[in-house]
C-alpha atoms as a PDB file:
ATOM      1  CA  MET A   1     110.473 -88.555  27.287  1.00  0.00           C
ATOM      2  CA  THR A   2     110.656 -90.603  30.451  1.00  0.00           C
ATOM      3  CA  ASP A   3     108.058 -92.965  31.876  1.00  0.00           C
ATOM      4  CA  ALA A   4     108.888 -91.972  35.454  1.00  0.00           C
ATOM      5  CA  LEU A   5     106.000 -90.371  37.309  1.00  0.00           C
ATOM      6  CA  PRO A   6     106.518 -87.172  39.295  1.00  0.00           C
ATOM      7  CA  ASP A   7     106.873 -87.293  43.073  1.00  0.00           C
ATOM      8  CA  ARG A   8     103.591 -85.429  43.392  1.00  0.00           C
ATOM      9  CA  LEU A   9     100.588 -85.236  41.050  1.00  0.00           C
ATOM     10  CA  SER A  10      97.078 -83.783  41.336  1.00  0.00           C
ATOM     11  CA  THR A  11      93.881 -84.084  39.285  1.00  0.00           C
ATOM     12  CA  ASN A  12      92.767 -80.615  40.438  1.00  0.00           C
ATOM     13  CA  PRO A  13      93.480 -78.023  37.695  1.00  0.00           C
ATOM     14  CA  LYS A  14      93.996 -75.331  40.365  1.00  0.00           C
ATOM     15  CA  SER A  15      96.859 -77.280  41.966  1.00  0.00           C
ATOM     16  CA  PRO A  16     100.491 -76.465  41.101  1.00  0.00           C
ATOM     17  CA  HIS A  17     100.981 -80.257  40.816  1.00  0.00           C
ATOM     18  CA  TYR A  18      98.395 -80.650  38.024  1.00  0.00           C
ATOM     19  CA  ASP A  19      99.755 -82.023  34.717  1.00  0.00           C
ATOM     20  CA  GLU A  20      97.051 -82.439  32.076  1.00  0.00           C
ATOM     21  CA  ALA A  21      99.322 -84.163  29.539  1.00  0.00           C
ATOM     22  CA  LEU A  22     100.470 -86.747  32.068  1.00  0.00           C
ATOM     23  CA  LEU A  23      96.930 -87.411  33.292  1.00  0.00           C
ATOM     24  CA  ALA A  24      95.761 -87.860  29.685  1.00  0.00           C
ATOM     25  CA  ARG A  25      98.293 -90.701  29.306  1.00  0.00           C
ATOM     26  CA  GLY A  26      96.717 -92.463  32.258  1.00  0.00           C
ATOM     27  CA  VAL A  27      98.118 -92.948  35.735  1.00  0.00           C
ATOM     28  CA  GLY A  28      97.505 -95.948  37.967  1.00  0.00           C
ATOM     29  CA  ILE A  29      97.823 -95.524  41.734  1.00  0.00           C
ATOM     30  CA  ARG A  30      98.604 -98.414  44.059  1.00  0.00           C
ATOM     31  CA  PHE A  31      98.512 -97.572  47.776  1.00  0.00           C
ATOM     32  CA  ASN A  32      99.122-100.098  50.563  1.00  0.00           C
ATOM     33  CA  GLY A  33      98.880-102.897  48.002  1.00  0.00           C
ATOM     34  CA  GLN A  34      95.489-101.853  46.615  1.00  0.00           C
ATOM     35  CA  GLU A  35      94.752-100.148  43.309  1.00  0.00           C
ATOM     36  CA  LYS A  36      92.936 -96.861  43.894  1.00  0.00           C
ATOM     37  CA  THR A  37      90.679 -95.154  41.352  1.00  0.00           C
ATOM     38  CA  ASN A  38      89.468 -92.208  43.441  1.00  0.00           C
ATOM     39  CA  VAL A  39      92.772 -90.423  44.130  1.00  0.00           C
ATOM     40  CA  GLU A  40      92.747 -86.618  43.814  1.00  0.00           C
ATOM     41  CA  GLU A  41      96.420 -86.100  44.681  1.00  0.00           C
ATOM     42  CA  TYR A  42      99.421 -88.150  45.761  1.00  0.00           C
ATOM     43  CA  CYS A  43     102.950 -87.639  47.066  1.00  0.00           C
ATOM     44  CA  VAL A  44     105.373 -90.557  46.758  1.00  0.00           C
ATOM     45  CA  SER A  45     108.156 -89.164  48.976  1.00  0.00           C
ATOM     46  CA  GLU A  46     105.759 -88.400  51.837  1.00  0.00           C
ATOM     47  CA  GLY A  47     103.749 -91.621  51.340  1.00  0.00           C
ATOM     48  CA  TRP A  48     100.208 -90.217  51.193  1.00  0.00           C
ATOM     49  CA  ILE A  49      97.199 -89.937  48.886  1.00  0.00           C
ATOM     50  CA  ARG A  50      94.190 -87.602  48.976  1.00  0.00           C
ATOM     51  CA  VAL A  51      90.864 -89.115  47.926  1.00  0.00           C
END
């Protein structure tokens, strides 16, 4: 098992990017140098977050 996070991840169970097992492990999101706790979805390659 790798510790690398996916390029895209969502907390919405209806999203194709939802991964319950990964979210259960805990994911920290840092965007523009600030830790975010209200992120619904992110995409690393495109450089955005949805809150």
